[in-house]
Amino acid sequence: MQAINRRPLQNDEDLLAITNLINACNEVDKLDDGVSVQELREEFDMPSVDKARDLQLWENEDGILIGFGNLWITEPNEVIDGFLSIYVHPEARGESFSGVGFRPAKLTNPKGNGLETDIIEWASLRMREVKIARGFPVKLRTGARSTQTERIQLLENNGFTPDRYFFRMERNINEPIPEVHFANGFNLRCMNGEQDVEAWVDLHNNSFIDHWNFHPITVEMLKHWLQESSYRSDLNLVAVTGDDSFVAQCYCYINLESNARTGRNEGNVGILGVRRGFRKIGLGRAMLLSGLHCLKQAGVDTVRLDVDADNPNGALRLYESVGFQKVYTSINFLRDV
């Protein structure tokens, strides 16, 4: 029997191996997704990521990467969530390994469900460490598309239960976009780099504080986002009052590496939020339409976004009203730690 070696992320060679593993998984699972070395580097360089403890690689005795676990651990609110990404090479899934380059391996998990369960148990242990270190309750979360029946069965076998549903939606940007109308007293402008960081973070956290499973972002996190390759200041829109107070935001982006990889030409609405006390006066719709016009001017063909299926502020209705249609459903799964 062949043993498996687990270790933390070490160098750029690891980034290339992880990229290849993720892309192999996405191709087999038909997720029309993927990642690049640069995208991974930016993700793992987030200030909240502990590379030694939140990123783990599983290799066989030949040094071939066959599994990867990535925990994104949130800032404390009522609880700390650990969002787990699980990647196991298609030829190394389940109880036994087969195929070129793989031989049967001895796994450490007690449930006999293969390397996937090893990754889940590692993540559970890591979240217990976080609970002790930070003094907050913790939960382990992960996701699957509604069509991934084998992944869903694996998660349920390992104590996960469905907790929330999300829709991926898209819109053809070449379809007519309604004109933008702001109520009197509000103006649209772009975020002005680091001088607006604190105001933007305050706006974001106060816009989403009453949303499901809210976790605040920090100034350090936003400063990191501003340095990412996909960031464009002309797509980071804010609505302001006469005294330049931030009351609404629409953050859009275009991932050129993803477009080159997939052959698509799409942009994304990443964040749409309105501060409490300024809702129900059309700011959300005005910001969304402003973002769509900016993305059209930037030359994309399609716009994508994700929405909580049970969003309490009518986001789904808003997106449908301006032409977005559902592409697929994702499920957020929860496991108590």
C-alpha atoms as a PDB file:
ATOM      1  CA  MET A   1       0.000   0.000   0.000  1.00  0.00           C
ATOM      2  CA  GLN A   2       1.233   3.435  -0.872  1.00  0.00           C
ATOM      3  CA  ALA A   3       1.194   6.182   1.775  1.00  0.00           C
ATOM      4  CA  ILE A   4       0.019   9.726   1.120  1.00  0.00           C
ATOM      5  CA  ASN A   5       2.033  12.733   2.254  1.00  0.00           C
ATOM      6  CA  ARG A   6       0.218  15.864   3.439  1.00  0.00           C
ATOM      7  CA  ARG A   7       2.089  19.148   3.600  1.00  0.00           C
ATOM      8  CA  PRO A   8       1.510  22.931   3.413  1.00  0.00           C
ATOM      9  CA  LEU A   9       2.054  25.179   0.413  1.00  0.00           C
ATOM     10  CA  GLN A  10       5.760  25.825  -0.161  1.00  0.00           C
ATOM     11  CA  ASN A  11       6.633  27.601  -3.424  1.00  0.00           C
ATOM     12  CA  ASP A  12       5.610  28.689  -6.921  1.00  0.00           C
ATOM     13  CA  GLU A  13       6.049  25.149  -8.214  1.00  0.00           C
ATOM     14  CA  ASP A  14       3.199  24.213  -5.894  1.00  0.00           C
ATOM     15  CA  LEU A  15       1.032  26.926  -7.474  1.00  0.00           C
ATOM     16  CA  LEU A  16       1.517  25.385 -10.909  1.00  0.00           C
ATOM     17  CA  ALA A  17       0.701  21.895  -9.614  1.00  0.00           C
ATOM     18  CA  ILE A  18      -2.432  23.157  -7.830  1.00  0.00           C
ATOM     19  CA  THR A  19      -3.516  25.054 -10.961  1.00  0.00           C
ATOM     20  CA  ASN A  20      -3.191  21.902 -13.050  1.00  0.00           C
ATOM     21  CA  LEU A  21      -5.107  19.867 -10.473  1.00  0.00           C
ATOM     22  CA  ILE A  22      -7.986  22.345 -10.206  1.00  0.00           C
ATOM     23  CA  ASN A  23      -8.281  22.640 -13.985  1.00  0.00           C
ATOM     24  CA  ALA A  24      -8.259  18.846 -14.384  1.00  0.00           C
ATOM     25  CA  CYS A  25     -11.071  18.560 -11.826  1.00  0.00           C
ATOM     26  CA  ASN A  26     -13.127  21.322 -13.420  1.00  0.00           C
ATOM     27  CA  GLU A  27     -12.773  19.798 -16.881  1.00  0.00           C
ATOM     28  CA  VAL A  28     -13.947  16.358 -15.746  1.00  0.00           C
ATOM     29  CA  ASP A  29     -16.739  17.818 -13.606  1.00  0.00           C
ATOM     30  CA  LYS A  30     -17.817  20.063 -16.513  1.00  0.00           C
ATOM     31  CA  LEU A  31     -17.868  23.201 -14.368  1.00  0.00           C
ATOM     32  CA  ASP A  32     -16.791  25.482 -17.262  1.00  0.00           C
ATOM     33  CA  ASP A  33     -14.454  27.147 -14.813  1.00  0.00           C
ATOM     34  CA  GLY A  34     -10.765  27.064 -13.985  1.00  0.00           C
ATOM     35  CA  VAL A  35      -7.892  29.057 -12.583  1.00  0.00           C
ATOM     36  CA  SER A  36      -4.412  30.367 -13.417  1.00  0.00           C
ATOM     37  CA  VAL A  37      -1.206  30.579 -11.392  1.00  0.00           C
ATOM     38  CA  GLN A  38      -1.615  34.356 -11.138  1.00  0.00           C
ATOM     39  CA  GLU A  39      -5.185  34.061  -9.880  1.00  0.00           C
ATOM     40  CA  LEU A  40      -4.125  31.555  -7.228  1.00  0.00           C
ATOM     41  CA  ARG A  41      -1.202  33.727  -6.153  1.00  0.00           C
ATOM     42  CA  GLU A  42      -3.504  36.691  -5.636  1.00  0.00           C
ATOM     43  CA  GLU A  43      -6.037  34.574  -3.743  1.00  0.00           C
ATOM     44  CA  PHE A  44      -3.450  32.999  -1.442  1.00  0.00           C
ATOM     45  CA  ASP A  45      -1.777  36.371  -0.764  1.00  0.00           C
ATOM     46  CA  MET A  46      -4.930  37.678   0.915  1.00  0.00           C
ATOM     47  CA  PRO A  47      -3.977  39.053   4.360  1.00  0.00           C
ATOM     48  CA  SER A  48      -6.410  36.683   6.100  1.00  0.00           C
ATOM     49  CA  VAL A  49      -4.838  33.521   4.618  1.00  0.00           C
ATOM     50  CA  ASP A  50      -2.436  31.505   6.783  1.00  0.00           C
ATOM     51  CA  LYS A  51      -0.545  29.672   4.040  1.00  0.00           C
ATOM     52  CA  ALA A  52       1.016  27.202   6.443  1.00  0.00           C
ATOM     53  CA  ARG A  53      -2.283  26.096   7.993  1.00  0.00           C
ATOM     54  CA  ASP A  54      -5.127  27.004   5.618  1.00  0.00           C
ATOM     55  CA  LEU A  55      -3.698  25.433   2.438  1.00  0.00           C
ATOM     56  CA  GLN A  56      -2.768  21.742   2.355  1.00  0.00           C
ATOM     57  CA  LEU A  57      -1.466  19.483  -0.407  1.00  0.00           C
ATOM     58  CA  TRP A  58      -1.760  15.690  -0.585  1.00  0.00           C
ATOM     59  CA  GLU A  59       0.876  13.862  -2.651  1.00  0.00           C
ATOM     60  CA  ASN A  60       1.498  10.200  -3.381  1.00  0.00           C
ATOM     61  CA  GLU A  61       4.909   8.613  -2.876  1.00  0.00           C
ATOM     62  CA  ASP A  62       5.933   9.651  -6.377  1.00  0.00           C
ATOM     63  CA  GLY A  63       5.430  13.308  -5.466  1.00  0.00           C
ATOM     64  CA  ILE A  64       2.339  13.650  -7.664  1.00  0.00           C
ATOM     65  CA  LEU A  65      -0.243  16.107  -6.336  1.00  0.00           C
ATOM     66  CA  ILE A  66      -3.531  14.232  -6.016  1.00  0.00           C
ATOM     67  CA  GLY A  67      -5.455  16.354  -3.517  1.00  0.00           C
ATOM     68  CA  PHE A  68      -5.716  19.959  -2.350  1.00  0.00           C
ATOM     69  CA  GLY A  69      -7.697  21.580   0.442  1.00  0.00           C
ATOM     70  CA  ASN A  70      -8.184  25.331   0.737  1.00  0.00           C
ATOM     71  CA  LEU A  71      -9.853  26.985   3.741  1.00  0.00           C
ATOM     72  CA  TRP A  72     -11.003  30.583   3.536  1.00  0.00           C
ATOM     73  CA  ILE A  73     -11.627  31.633   7.143  1.00  0.00           C
ATOM     74  CA  THR A  74     -13.890  34.628   7.728  1.00  0.00           C
ATOM     75  CA  GLU A  75     -13.570  37.521  10.095  1.00  0.00           C
ATOM     76  CA  PRO A  76     -15.458  36.896  13.360  1.00  0.00           C
ATOM     77  CA  ASN A  77     -19.119  37.884  13.611  1.00  0.00           C
ATOM     78  CA  GLU A  78     -21.434  35.674  15.650  1.00  0.00           C
ATOM     79  CA  VAL A  79     -19.403  32.729  14.359  1.00  0.00           C
ATOM     80  CA  ILE A  80     -16.291  32.154  12.274  1.00  0.00           C
ATOM     81  CA  ASP A  81     -16.915  30.235   9.056  1.00  0.00           C
ATOM     82  CA  GLY A  82     -14.347  28.142   7.254  1.00  0.00           C
ATOM     83  CA  PHE A  83     -15.232  27.814   3.561  1.00  0.00           C
ATOM     84  CA  LEU A  84     -13.595  24.650   2.275  1.00  0.00           C
ATOM     85  CA  SER A  85     -12.637  23.950  -1.343  1.00  0.00           C
ATOM     86  CA  ILE A  86     -11.935  20.267  -2.052  1.00  0.00           C
ATOM     87  CA  TYR A  87      -9.997  19.088  -5.093  1.00  0.00           C
ATOM     88  CA  VAL A  88      -9.112  15.438  -5.695  1.00  0.00           C
ATOM     89  CA  HIS A  89      -7.666  14.263  -8.988  1.00  0.00           C
ATOM     90  CA  PRO A  90     -10.358  12.449 -11.000  1.00  0.00           C
ATOM     91  CA  GLU A  91      -8.198   9.298 -11.071  1.00  0.00           C
ATOM     92  CA  ALA A  92      -7.713   9.399  -7.291  1.00  0.00           C
ATOM     93  CA  ARG A  93     -11.292   9.794  -6.104  1.00  0.00           C
ATOM     94  CA  GLY A  94     -13.164   7.411  -3.826  1.00  0.00           C
ATOM     95  CA  GLU A  95     -11.753   4.438  -1.976  1.00  0.00           C
ATOM     96  CA  SER A  96      -9.095   3.287  -4.443  1.00  0.00           C
ATOM     97  CA  PHE A  97      -6.752   4.841  -6.948  1.00  0.00           C
ATOM     98  CA  SER A  98      -6.470   3.732 -10.546  1.00  0.00           C
ATOM     99  CA  GLY A  99      -5.040   4.973 -13.809  1.00  0.00           C
ATOM    100  CA  VAL A 100      -1.623   5.975 -15.016  1.00  0.00           C
ATOM    101  CA  GLY A 101       0.613   7.324 -12.257  1.00  0.00           C
ATOM    102  CA  PHE A 102      -1.591   6.150  -9.379  1.00  0.00           C
ATOM    103  CA  ARG A 103      -1.320   3.092  -7.178  1.00  0.00           C
ATOM    104  CA  PRO A 104      -3.549   2.042  -4.247  1.00  0.00           C
ATOM    105  CA  ALA A 105      -2.908   4.260  -1.236  1.00  0.00           C
ATOM    106  CA  LYS A 106      -3.338   3.931   2.489  1.00  0.00           C
ATOM    107  CA  LEU A 107      -5.622   6.691   3.780  1.00  0.00           C
ATOM    108  CA  THR A 108      -5.940   7.923   7.336  1.00  0.00           C
ATOM    109  CA  ASN A 109      -9.662   8.668   7.489  1.00  0.00           C
ATOM    110  CA  PRO A 110     -11.955   6.343   9.458  1.00  0.00           C
ATOM    111  CA  LYS A 111     -14.951   6.448   7.108  1.00  0.00           C
ATOM    112  CA  GLY A 112     -13.484   4.734   4.064  1.00  0.00           C
ATOM    113  CA  ASN A 113     -14.664   7.433   1.648  1.00  0.00           C
ATOM    114  CA  GLY A 114     -11.238   8.168   0.191  1.00  0.00           C
ATOM    115  CA  LEU A 115      -9.046  11.219   0.055  1.00  0.00           C
ATOM    116  CA  GLU A 116     -12.029  13.590  -0.002  1.00  0.00           C
ATOM    117  CA  THR A 117     -12.869  12.581   3.567  1.00  0.00           C
ATOM    118  CA  ASP A 118      -9.238  13.063   4.625  1.00  0.00           C
ATOM    119  CA  ILE A 119      -9.455  16.646   3.384  1.00  0.00           C
ATOM    120  CA  ILE A 120     -12.738  17.226   5.230  1.00  0.00           C
ATOM    121  CA  GLU A 121     -11.312  15.849   8.477  1.00  0.00           C
ATOM    122  CA  TRP A 122      -8.215  18.029   8.139  1.00  0.00           C
ATOM    123  CA  ALA A 123     -10.461  21.085   7.669  1.00  0.00           C
ATOM    124  CA  SER A 124     -12.517  20.165  10.739  1.00  0.00           C
ATOM    125  CA  LEU A 125      -9.376  19.899  12.867  1.00  0.00           C
ATOM    126  CA  ARG A 126      -8.128  23.243  11.548  1.00  0.00           C
ATOM    127  CA  MET A 127     -11.432  24.927  12.446  1.00  0.00           C
ATOM    128  CA  ARG A 128     -11.214  23.496  15.953  1.00  0.00           C
ATOM    129  CA  GLU A 129      -7.801  25.182  16.240  1.00  0.00           C
ATOM    130  CA  VAL A 130      -9.393  28.454  15.122  1.00  0.00           C
ATOM    131  CA  LYS A 131     -12.136  28.079  17.729  1.00  0.00           C
ATOM    132  CA  ILE A 132      -9.589  27.667  20.523  1.00  0.00           C
ATOM    133  CA  ALA A 133      -7.317  30.462  19.280  1.00  0.00           C
ATOM    134  CA  ARG A 134      -9.990  33.097  18.628  1.00  0.00           C
ATOM    135  CA  GLY A 135     -12.659  32.180  21.150  1.00  0.00           C
ATOM    136  CA  PHE A 136     -15.593  32.151  18.732  1.00  0.00           C
ATOM    137  CA  PRO A 137     -17.910  29.331  17.675  1.00  0.00           C
ATOM    138  CA  VAL A 138     -16.914  27.948  14.279  1.00  0.00           C
ATOM    139  CA  LYS A 139     -18.647  26.184  11.394  1.00  0.00           C
ATOM    140  CA  LEU A 140     -17.317  24.365   8.355  1.00  0.00           C
ATOM    141  CA  ARG A 141     -18.904  25.184   5.000  1.00  0.00           C
ATOM    142  CA  THR A 142     -18.461  24.011   1.435  1.00  0.00           C
ATOM    143  CA  GLY A 143     -20.447  24.052  -1.781  1.00  0.00           C
ATOM    144  CA  ALA A 144     -21.603  22.064  -4.781  1.00  0.00           C
ATOM    145  CA  ARG A 145     -23.703  22.682  -7.821  1.00  0.00           C
ATOM    146  CA  SER A 146     -27.114  21.055  -7.718  1.00  0.00           C
ATOM    147  CA  THR A 147     -26.055  18.817 -10.636  1.00  0.00           C
ATOM    148  CA  GLN A 148     -23.024  17.354  -8.788  1.00  0.00           C
ATOM    149  CA  THR A 149     -24.845  14.362  -7.342  1.00  0.00           C
ATOM    150  CA  GLU A 150     -21.695  12.422  -6.380  1.00  0.00           C
ATOM    151  CA  ARG A 151     -20.204  15.431  -4.560  1.00  0.00           C
ATOM    152  CA  ILE A 152     -23.499  16.042  -2.753  1.00  0.00           C
ATOM    153  CA  GLN A 153     -23.645  12.410  -1.634  1.00  0.00           C
ATOM    154  CA  LEU A 154     -20.045  12.618  -0.410  1.00  0.00           C
ATOM    155  CA  LEU A 155     -20.806  15.729   1.631  1.00  0.00           C
ATOM    156  CA  GLU A 156     -23.944  14.258   3.171  1.00  0.00           C
ATOM    157  CA  ASN A 157     -22.020  11.077   4.052  1.00  0.00           C
ATOM    158  CA  ASN A 158     -19.558  13.293   5.927  1.00  0.00           C
ATOM    159  CA  GLY A 159     -22.100  15.163   8.029  1.00  0.00           C
ATOM    160  CA  PHE A 160     -22.850  18.175   5.820  1.00  0.00           C
ATOM    161  CA  THR A 161     -26.405  19.411   5.352  1.00  0.00           C
ATOM    162  CA  PRO A 162     -27.778  21.918   2.789  1.00  0.00           C
ATOM    163  CA  ASP A 163     -28.021  25.374   4.332  1.00  0.00           C
ATOM    164  CA  ARG A 164     -28.588  27.912   1.537  1.00  0.00           C
ATOM    165  CA  TYR A 165     -29.117  28.090  -2.215  1.00  0.00           C
ATOM    166  CA  PHE A 166     -27.578  30.519  -4.692  1.00  0.00           C
ATOM    167  CA  PHE A 167     -28.238  31.220  -8.372  1.00  0.00           C
ATOM    168  CA  ARG A 168     -25.639  31.999 -11.017  1.00  0.00           C
ATOM    169  CA  MET A 169     -27.342  34.403 -13.433  1.00  0.00           C
ATOM    170  CA  GLU A 170     -26.284  35.992 -16.692  1.00  0.00           C
ATOM    171  CA  ARG A 171     -27.436  38.580 -19.197  1.00  0.00           C
ATOM    172  CA  ASN A 172     -26.547  39.345 -22.814  1.00  0.00           C
ATOM    173  CA  ILE A 173     -25.060  42.815 -22.641  1.00  0.00           C
ATOM    174  CA  ASN A 174     -26.149  43.538 -26.220  1.00  0.00           C
ATOM    175  CA  GLU A 175     -29.805  43.451 -25.224  1.00  0.00           C
ATOM    176  CA  PRO A 176     -31.096  46.999 -24.534  1.00  0.00           C
ATOM    177  CA  ILE A 177     -30.145  48.338 -21.095  1.00  0.00           C
ATOM    178  CA  PRO A 178     -32.628  50.756 -19.487  1.00  0.00           C
ATOM    179  CA  GLU A 179     -31.525  54.312 -18.812  1.00  0.00           C
ATOM    180  CA  VAL A 180     -30.194  55.193 -15.376  1.00  0.00           C
ATOM    181  CA  HIS A 181     -32.180  57.471 -13.075  1.00  0.00           C
ATOM    182  CA  PHE A 182     -30.902  58.600  -9.677  1.00  0.00           C
ATOM    183  CA  ALA A 183     -33.153  60.287  -7.141  1.00  0.00           C
ATOM    184  CA  ASN A 184     -32.422  63.954  -6.482  1.00  0.00           C
ATOM    185  CA  GLY A 185     -29.492  64.497  -4.167  1.00  0.00           C
ATOM    186  CA  PHE A 186     -27.451  61.453  -5.244  1.00  0.00           C
ATOM    187  CA  ASN A 187     -24.548  61.319  -7.657  1.00  0.00           C
ATOM    188  CA  LEU A 188     -22.510  58.534  -9.234  1.00  0.00           C
ATOM    189  CA  ARG A 189     -18.731  58.401  -9.178  1.00  0.00           C
ATOM    190  CA  CYS A 190     -15.872  55.899  -9.146  1.00  0.00           C
ATOM    191  CA  MET A 191     -13.994  54.940  -6.023  1.00  0.00           C
ATOM    192  CA  ASN A 192     -10.823  56.991  -5.659  1.00  0.00           C
ATOM    193  CA  GLY A 193      -8.198  54.417  -4.691  1.00  0.00           C
ATOM    194  CA  GLU A 194      -6.823  54.261  -1.181  1.00  0.00           C
ATOM    195  CA  GLN A 195      -8.228  57.627  -0.142  1.00  0.00           C
ATOM    196  CA  ASP A 196     -11.726  56.072  -0.271  1.00  0.00           C
ATOM    197  CA  VAL A 197     -10.841  52.725   1.307  1.00  0.00           C
ATOM    198  CA  GLU A 198     -12.242  53.341   4.787  1.00  0.00           C
ATOM    199  CA  ALA A 199     -15.481  54.878   3.458  1.00  0.00           C
ATOM    200  CA  TRP A 200     -15.935  51.983   1.007  1.00  0.00           C
ATOM    201  CA  VAL A 201     -15.406  49.351   3.711  1.00  0.00           C
ATOM    202  CA  ASP A 202     -17.832  51.127   6.037  1.00  0.00           C
ATOM    203  CA  LEU A 203     -20.413  51.275   3.232  1.00  0.00           C
ATOM    204  CA  HIS A 204     -19.972  47.605   2.383  1.00  0.00           C
ATOM    205  CA  ASN A 205     -20.233  46.364   5.957  1.00  0.00           C
ATOM    206  CA  ASN A 206     -23.280  48.477   6.716  1.00  0.00           C
ATOM    207  CA  SER A 207     -24.959  47.461   3.451  1.00  0.00           C
ATOM    208  CA  PHE A 208     -24.640  43.728   4.122  1.00  0.00           C
ATOM    209  CA  ILE A 209     -24.891  43.581   7.921  1.00  0.00           C
ATOM    210  CA  ASP A 210     -28.476  42.296   7.737  1.00  0.00           C
ATOM    211  CA  HIS A 211     -27.765  39.710   5.029  1.00  0.00           C
ATOM    212  CA  TRP A 212     -27.521  35.968   5.590  1.00  0.00           C
ATOM    213  CA  ASN A 213     -24.250  34.834   7.149  1.00  0.00           C
ATOM    214  CA  PHE A 214     -22.709  38.309   7.094  1.00  0.00           C
ATOM    215  CA  HIS A 215     -18.989  38.628   7.823  1.00  0.00           C
ATOM    216  CA  PRO A 216     -17.290  42.031   7.751  1.00  0.00           C
ATOM    217  CA  ILE A 217     -14.424  42.825   5.438  1.00  0.00           C
ATOM    218  CA  THR A 218     -11.386  44.788   6.589  1.00  0.00           C
ATOM    219  CA  VAL A 219      -9.429  47.706   5.198  1.00  0.00           C
ATOM    220  CA  GLU A 220      -6.482  45.334   4.635  1.00  0.00           C
ATOM    221  CA  MET A 221      -8.645  42.999   2.551  1.00  0.00           C
ATOM    222  CA  LEU A 222      -9.873  45.823   0.322  1.00  0.00           C
ATOM    223  CA  LYS A 223      -6.353  47.174  -0.184  1.00  0.00           C
ATOM    224  CA  HIS A 224      -5.359  43.723  -1.407  1.00  0.00           C
ATOM    225  CA  TRP A 225      -8.295  43.632  -3.855  1.00  0.00           C
ATOM    226  CA  LEU A 226      -7.223  46.996  -5.277  1.00  0.00           C
ATOM    227  CA  GLN A 227      -3.910  45.406  -6.316  1.00  0.00           C
ATOM    228  CA  GLU A 228      -5.431  42.394  -8.088  1.00  0.00           C
ATOM    229  CA  SER A 229      -4.949  42.103 -11.844  1.00  0.00           C
ATOM    230  CA  SER A 230      -8.691  42.124 -12.585  1.00  0.00           C
ATOM    231  CA  TYR A 231      -9.353  45.347 -10.650  1.00  0.00           C
ATOM    232  CA  ARG A 232     -10.390  48.418 -12.613  1.00  0.00           C
ATOM    233  CA  SER A 233     -11.204  51.649 -10.830  1.00  0.00           C
ATOM    234  CA  ASP A 234     -13.666  52.653 -13.580  1.00  0.00           C
ATOM    235  CA  LEU A 235     -15.788  49.594 -12.708  1.00  0.00           C
ATOM    236  CA  ASN A 236     -15.891  50.276  -8.949  1.00  0.00           C
ATOM    237  CA  LEU A 237     -18.907  52.590  -8.686  1.00  0.00           C
ATOM    238  CA  VAL A 238     -20.338  54.366  -5.652  1.00  0.00           C
ATOM    239  CA  ALA A 239     -23.381  56.581  -5.137  1.00  0.00           C
ATOM    240  CA  VAL A 240     -22.770  59.584  -2.916  1.00  0.00           C
ATOM    241  CA  THR A 241     -24.836  62.295  -1.274  1.00  0.00           C
ATOM    242  CA  GLY A 242     -24.152  66.015  -1.592  1.00  0.00           C
ATOM    243  CA  ASP A 243     -21.533  65.848   1.160  1.00  0.00           C
ATOM    244  CA  ASP A 244     -19.842  62.855  -0.561  1.00  0.00           C
ATOM    245  CA  SER A 245     -21.123  60.254   1.922  1.00  0.00           C
ATOM    246  CA  PHE A 246     -21.135  56.737   0.431  1.00  0.00           C
ATOM    247  CA  VAL A 247     -24.624  55.229   0.270  1.00  0.00           C
ATOM    248  CA  ALA A 248     -24.524  52.543  -2.459  1.00  0.00           C
ATOM    249  CA  GLN A 249     -21.978  50.532  -4.427  1.00  0.00           C
ATOM    250  CA  CYS A 250     -21.682  48.429  -7.566  1.00  0.00           C
ATOM    251  CA  TYR A 251     -18.346  46.702  -7.983  1.00  0.00           C
ATOM    252  CA  CYS A 252     -17.811  45.058 -11.379  1.00  0.00           C
ATOM    253  CA  TYR A 253     -14.790  43.322 -12.847  1.00  0.00           C
ATOM    254  CA  ILE A 254     -13.499  41.614 -15.990  1.00  0.00           C
ATOM    255  CA  ASN A 255     -11.243  38.602 -15.514  1.00  0.00           C
ATOM    256  CA  LEU A 256      -9.123  38.690 -18.655  1.00  0.00           C
ATOM    257  CA  GLU A 257      -7.250  35.496 -17.754  1.00  0.00           C
ATOM    258  CA  SER A 258     -10.503  33.600 -17.312  1.00  0.00           C
ATOM    259  CA  ASN A 259     -11.836  34.942 -20.601  1.00  0.00           C
ATOM    260  CA  ALA A 260      -8.672  33.881 -22.407  1.00  0.00           C
ATOM    261  CA  ARG A 261      -8.855  30.431 -20.832  1.00  0.00           C
ATOM    262  CA  THR A 262     -12.522  29.806 -21.587  1.00  0.00           C
ATOM    263  CA  GLY A 263     -12.867  31.688 -24.860  1.00  0.00           C
ATOM    264  CA  ARG A 264     -15.706  33.719 -23.381  1.00  0.00           C
ATOM    265  CA  ASN A 265     -15.959  37.512 -23.258  1.00  0.00           C
ATOM    266  CA  GLU A 266     -17.780  38.247 -20.049  1.00  0.00           C
ATOM    267  CA  GLY A 267     -17.797  40.660 -17.159  1.00  0.00           C
ATOM    268  CA  ASN A 268     -19.110  40.237 -13.643  1.00  0.00           C
ATOM    269  CA  VAL A 269     -21.178  42.178 -11.155  1.00  0.00           C
ATOM    270  CA  GLY A 270     -19.319  41.217  -8.006  1.00  0.00           C
ATOM    271  CA  ILE A 271     -21.004  43.400  -5.363  1.00  0.00           C
ATOM    272  CA  LEU A 272     -24.226  45.388  -5.342  1.00  0.00           C
ATOM    273  CA  GLY A 273     -25.216  46.981  -2.044  1.00  0.00           C
ATOM    274  CA  VAL A 274     -27.214  49.862  -0.580  1.00  0.00           C
ATOM    275  CA  ARG A 275     -26.727  51.219   2.915  1.00  0.00           C
ATOM    276  CA  ARG A 276     -29.627  50.764   5.322  1.00  0.00           C
ATOM    277  CA  GLY A 277     -31.719  53.928   5.459  1.00  0.00           C
ATOM    278  CA  PHE A 278     -31.271  54.551   1.715  1.00  0.00           C
ATOM    279  CA  ARG A 279     -33.173  51.561   0.356  1.00  0.00           C
ATOM    280  CA  LYS A 280     -36.473  51.472  -1.557  1.00  0.00           C
ATOM    281  CA  ILE A 281     -35.702  54.699  -3.445  1.00  0.00           C
ATOM    282  CA  GLY A 282     -34.229  53.103  -6.576  1.00  0.00           C
ATOM    283  CA  LEU A 283     -30.538  53.280  -5.725  1.00  0.00           C
ATOM    284  CA  GLY A 284     -29.974  49.543  -6.160  1.00  0.00           C
ATOM    285  CA  ARG A 285     -31.484  49.543  -9.633  1.00  0.00           C
ATOM    286  CA  ALA A 286     -29.637  52.724 -10.632  1.00  0.00           C
ATOM    287  CA  MET A 287     -26.303  51.291  -9.485  1.00  0.00           C
ATOM    288  CA  LEU A 288     -26.887  47.970 -11.254  1.00  0.00           C
ATOM    289  CA  LEU A 289     -27.797  49.667 -14.530  1.00  0.00           C
ATOM    290  CA  SER A 290     -24.776  51.950 -14.194  1.00  0.00           C
ATOM    291  CA  GLY A 291     -22.568  48.882 -13.817  1.00  0.00           C
ATOM    292  CA  LEU A 292     -24.112  47.257 -16.888  1.00  0.00           C
ATOM    293  CA  HIS A 293     -23.535  50.370 -18.993  1.00  0.00           C
ATOM    294  CA  CYS A 294     -19.890  50.484 -17.849  1.00  0.00           C
ATOM    295  CA  LEU A 295     -19.370  46.809 -18.687  1.00  0.00           C
ATOM    296  CA  LYS A 296     -20.925  47.318 -22.114  1.00  0.00           C
ATOM    297  CA  GLN A 297     -18.598  50.248 -22.740  1.00  0.00           C
ATOM    298  CA  ALA A 298     -15.699  47.993 -21.711  1.00  0.00           C
ATOM    299  CA  GLY A 299     -16.637  45.640 -24.559  1.00  0.00           C
ATOM    300  CA  VAL A 300     -17.890  42.431 -22.922  1.00  0.00           C
ATOM    301  CA  ASP A 301     -20.655  40.303 -24.436  1.00  0.00           C
ATOM    302  CA  THR A 302     -22.160  38.729 -21.315  1.00  0.00           C
ATOM    303  CA  VAL A 303     -22.505  39.747 -17.660  1.00  0.00           C
ATOM    304  CA  ARG A 304     -22.649  37.230 -14.834  1.00  0.00           C
ATOM    305  CA  LEU A 305     -23.486  37.495 -11.139  1.00  0.00           C
ATOM    306  CA  ASP A 306     -24.393  35.346  -8.138  1.00  0.00           C
ATOM    307  CA  VAL A 307     -27.415  35.930  -5.915  1.00  0.00           C
ATOM    308  CA  ASP A 308     -28.781  34.435  -2.721  1.00  0.00           C
ATOM    309  CA  ALA A 309     -32.028  32.698  -3.726  1.00  0.00           C
ATOM    310  CA  ASP A 310     -33.633  33.933  -0.484  1.00  0.00           C
ATOM    311  CA  ASN A 311     -32.170  37.437  -0.413  1.00  0.00           C
ATOM    312  CA  PRO A 312     -34.540  39.433   1.842  1.00  0.00           C
ATOM    313  CA  ASN A 313     -34.161  42.712  -0.064  1.00  0.00           C
ATOM    314  CA  GLY A 314     -35.525  41.597  -3.417  1.00  0.00           C
ATOM    315  CA  ALA A 315     -32.208  41.236  -5.252  1.00  0.00           C
ATOM    316  CA  LEU A 316     -33.425  38.301  -7.346  1.00  0.00           C
ATOM    317  CA  ARG A 317     -36.472  40.249  -8.543  1.00  0.00           C
ATOM    318  CA  LEU A 318     -34.250  43.211  -9.376  1.00  0.00           C
ATOM    319  CA  TYR A 319     -31.881  41.117 -11.485  1.00  0.00           C
ATOM    320  CA  GLU A 320     -34.731  39.412 -13.315  1.00  0.00           C
ATOM    321  CA  SER A 321     -36.363  42.786 -14.008  1.00  0.00           C
ATOM    322  CA  VAL A 322     -33.322  43.960 -15.995  1.00  0.00           C
ATOM    323  CA  GLY A 323     -32.925  40.767 -18.015  1.00  0.00           C
ATOM    324  CA  PHE A 324     -30.795  38.364 -15.970  1.00  0.00           C
ATOM    325  CA  GLN A 325     -31.675  34.668 -16.208  1.00  0.00           C
ATOM    326  CA  LYS A 326     -30.629  31.738 -14.025  1.00  0.00           C
ATOM    327  CA  VAL A 327     -27.837  29.522 -15.383  1.00  0.00           C
ATOM    328  CA  TYR A 328     -27.442  27.063 -12.512  1.00  0.00           C
ATOM    329  CA  THR A 329     -28.011  26.580  -8.783  1.00  0.00           C
ATOM    330  CA  SER A 330     -25.290  26.196  -6.154  1.00  0.00           C
ATOM    331  CA  ILE A 331     -25.847  24.759  -2.687  1.00  0.00           C
ATOM    332  CA  ASN A 332     -24.050  25.921   0.440  1.00  0.00           C
ATOM    333  CA  PHE A 333     -23.483  23.003   2.817  1.00  0.00           C
ATOM    334  CA  LEU A 334     -22.892  23.296   6.563  1.00  0.00           C
ATOM    335  CA  ARG A 335     -21.184  21.003   9.066  1.00  0.00           C
ATOM    336  CA  ASP A 336     -20.994  21.820  12.764  1.00  0.00           C
ATOM    337  CA  VAL A 337     -17.516  21.540  14.255  1.00  0.00           C
END
